[in-house]
Amino acid sequence: MSKFHKDAGKFITLVNGAQITQTFRVDQFERKKHKDFLISQFFGINKLNTLLQKPEVVGLRIYYGLDINGDGKRDKKFVLVGVDKDGNDIIPEALKLAAGMNKDTPSTEILDDGVGCPYDCASPNPLNTDKV
């Protein structure tokens, strides 16, 4: 069986999730001396469903990236794409570009620009703060 299937990944405990996210926050603050760094992004269900409802999609791949909007902040970003059963990203085909699709036209196959935390966060919980 391919490792790219609809049940890939595993659910973890809140304690494990809190440890993982806290380790990231400590790393960003202590090692990189970064303040107000992005710790998460929210993506709406309609956008996620647009990615997931393509017939060949079995899951999502989430790429880490850096914000390139020119504001001087190197905020982490997430870029989401659908993935097929062979592990291939489902991205706009080169033929679409050749057929006149402007390379600057947003694609419904690549998702970015979620709502960022710490700017817009959930209520404090073990995943986003050291305070419970």
Protein backbone atom coordinates (compact mmCIF):
# COMPACT_ATOMS: atom_id res chain seq x y z
CA MET A 1 0.00 0.00 0.00
CA SER A 2 1.23 3.48 -0.89
CA LYS A 3 2.05 5.80 2.00
CA PHE A 4 -0.10 8.41 0.24
CA HIS A 5 -3.65 7.51 1.21
CA LYS A 6 -6.67 9.05 2.87
CA ASP A 7 -5.67 7.80 6.34
CA ALA A 8 -2.05 9.03 6.37
CA GLY A 9 -0.97 10.76 9.59
CA LYS A 10 -1.95 10.03 13.14
CA PHE A 11 -3.90 11.72 15.87
CA ILE A 12 -1.87 12.69 18.93
CA THR A 13 -2.62 13.75 22.48
CA LEU A 14 -2.99 17.33 23.57
CA VAL A 15 0.16 16.88 25.68
CA ASN A 16 2.17 15.82 22.60
CA GLY A 17 0.74 18.67 20.54
CA ALA A 18 1.56 21.16 23.29
CA GLN A 19 5.14 19.86 23.55
CA ILE A 20 5.68 20.10 19.79
CA THR A 21 4.28 23.61 19.46
CA GLN A 22 6.05 24.86 22.59
CA THR A 23 9.39 23.53 21.32
CA PHE A 24 8.86 25.50 18.12
CA ARG A 25 8.03 28.71 20.01
CA VAL A 26 11.07 28.34 22.28
CA ASP A 27 13.30 27.71 19.24
CA GLN A 28 12.04 30.79 17.41
CA PHE A 29 12.36 33.03 20.45
CA GLU A 30 15.62 31.78 21.97
CA ARG A 31 17.66 30.54 19.03
CA LYS A 32 16.48 32.91 16.31
CA LYS A 33 15.73 35.89 18.55
CA HIS A 34 12.51 36.39 16.64
CA LYS A 35 9.59 38.19 18.28
CA ASP A 36 5.95 38.04 17.19
CA PHE A 37 6.62 35.15 14.83
CA LEU A 38 3.79 33.31 13.14
CA ILE A 39 2.85 30.18 15.08
CA SER A 40 -0.15 29.06 13.04
CA GLN A 41 -2.48 29.90 10.22
CA PHE A 42 -6.21 29.30 9.87
CA PHE A 43 -7.71 28.18 6.55
CA GLY A 44 -11.46 28.20 5.94
CA ILE A 45 -13.30 24.97 5.21
CA ASN A 46 -14.53 26.17 1.82
CA LYS A 47 -10.96 26.74 0.60
CA LEU A 48 -9.83 23.40 2.04
CA ASN A 49 -12.76 21.62 0.43
CA THR A 50 -11.86 23.19 -2.93
CA LEU A 51 -8.48 21.44 -2.65
CA LEU A 52 -9.87 18.20 -1.23
CA GLN A 53 -12.81 17.74 -3.60
CA LYS A 54 -10.71 17.23 -6.70
CA PRO A 55 -11.26 13.57 -7.66
CA GLU A 56 -7.58 12.59 -7.58
CA VAL A 57 -6.81 14.16 -4.17
CA VAL A 58 -6.19 11.79 -1.24
CA GLY A 59 -4.78 14.40 1.13
CA LEU A 60 -2.90 17.65 1.56
CA ARG A 61 0.76 18.56 1.60
CA ILE A 62 1.70 21.63 3.63
CA TYR A 63 4.86 23.44 2.61
CA TYR A 64 6.68 25.83 4.92
CA GLY A 65 7.63 29.13 3.37
CA LEU A 66 8.65 32.68 4.18
CA ASP A 67 6.51 35.73 3.56
CA ILE A 68 7.85 37.73 0.62
CA ASN A 69 5.55 40.75 0.76
CA GLY A 70 8.43 43.18 1.33
CA ASP A 71 7.44 44.44 4.79
CA GLY A 72 10.80 43.40 6.25
CA LYS A 73 9.31 40.62 8.40
CA ARG A 74 10.32 37.07 7.58
CA ASP A 75 7.04 35.54 8.68
CA LYS A 76 6.63 31.84 8.18
CA LYS A 77 3.86 30.91 5.78
CA PHE A 78 2.10 27.73 4.80
CA VAL A 79 1.32 26.73 1.23
CA LEU A 80 -1.19 23.88 0.86
CA VAL A 81 -1.67 21.68 -2.19
CA GLY A 82 -3.68 18.56 -2.88
CA VAL A 83 -1.74 15.30 -3.31
CA ASP A 84 -2.63 12.24 -5.37
CA LYS A 85 -2.24 8.55 -4.43
CA ASP A 86 1.29 8.50 -5.87
CA GLY A 87 2.43 11.43 -3.70
CA ASN A 88 2.38 13.97 -6.51
CA ASP A 89 1.37 17.56 -5.83
CA ILE A 90 -1.66 18.57 -7.84
CA ILE A 91 -0.58 21.88 -9.30
CA PRO A 92 -1.54 23.88 -12.39
CA GLU A 93 -0.43 22.06 -15.49
CA ALA A 94 2.19 23.65 -17.74
CA LEU A 95 -0.34 23.29 -20.56
CA LYS A 96 -2.66 25.71 -18.78
CA LEU A 97 0.11 28.29 -18.77
CA ALA A 98 0.85 27.63 -22.43
CA ALA A 99 -2.86 27.96 -23.26
CA GLY A 100 -2.90 31.51 -21.99
CA MET A 101 -3.44 31.20 -18.25
CA ASN A 102 -1.60 34.15 -16.79
CA LYS A 103 1.14 32.99 -14.43
CA ASP A 104 -0.09 35.60 -11.94
CA THR A 105 -3.66 34.28 -11.94
CA PRO A 106 -4.46 32.57 -8.63
CA SER A 107 -5.01 28.84 -8.90
CA THR A 108 -7.64 26.88 -7.00
CA GLU A 109 -4.97 24.21 -6.65
CA ILE A 110 -2.58 26.14 -4.36
CA LEU A 111 -3.72 27.70 -1.05
CA ASP A 112 -1.92 30.33 1.03
CA ASP A 113 -2.70 33.44 3.06
CA GLY A 114 -4.45 31.91 6.02
CA VAL A 115 -5.32 34.01 9.04
CA GLY A 116 -2.12 34.24 11.09
CA CYS A 117 -1.56 33.82 14.78
CA PRO A 118 -0.30 35.66 16.94
CA TYR A 119 -2.25 38.42 15.18
CA ASP A 120 -5.59 36.58 15.18
CA CYS A 121 -5.45 33.61 17.55
CA ALA A 122 -7.64 31.15 19.32
CA SER A 123 -8.28 31.68 23.01
CA PRO A 124 -5.17 30.72 24.99
CA ASN A 125 -4.73 26.94 25.11
CA PRO A 126 -1.83 24.49 25.47
CA LEU A 127 -1.11 24.61 21.70
CA ASN A 128 -0.57 28.35 21.48
CA THR A 129 0.73 29.43 24.90
CA ASP A 130 2.58 28.14 27.91
CA LYS A 131 -0.43 29.09 30.04
CA VAL A 132 -3.26 26.63 30.43
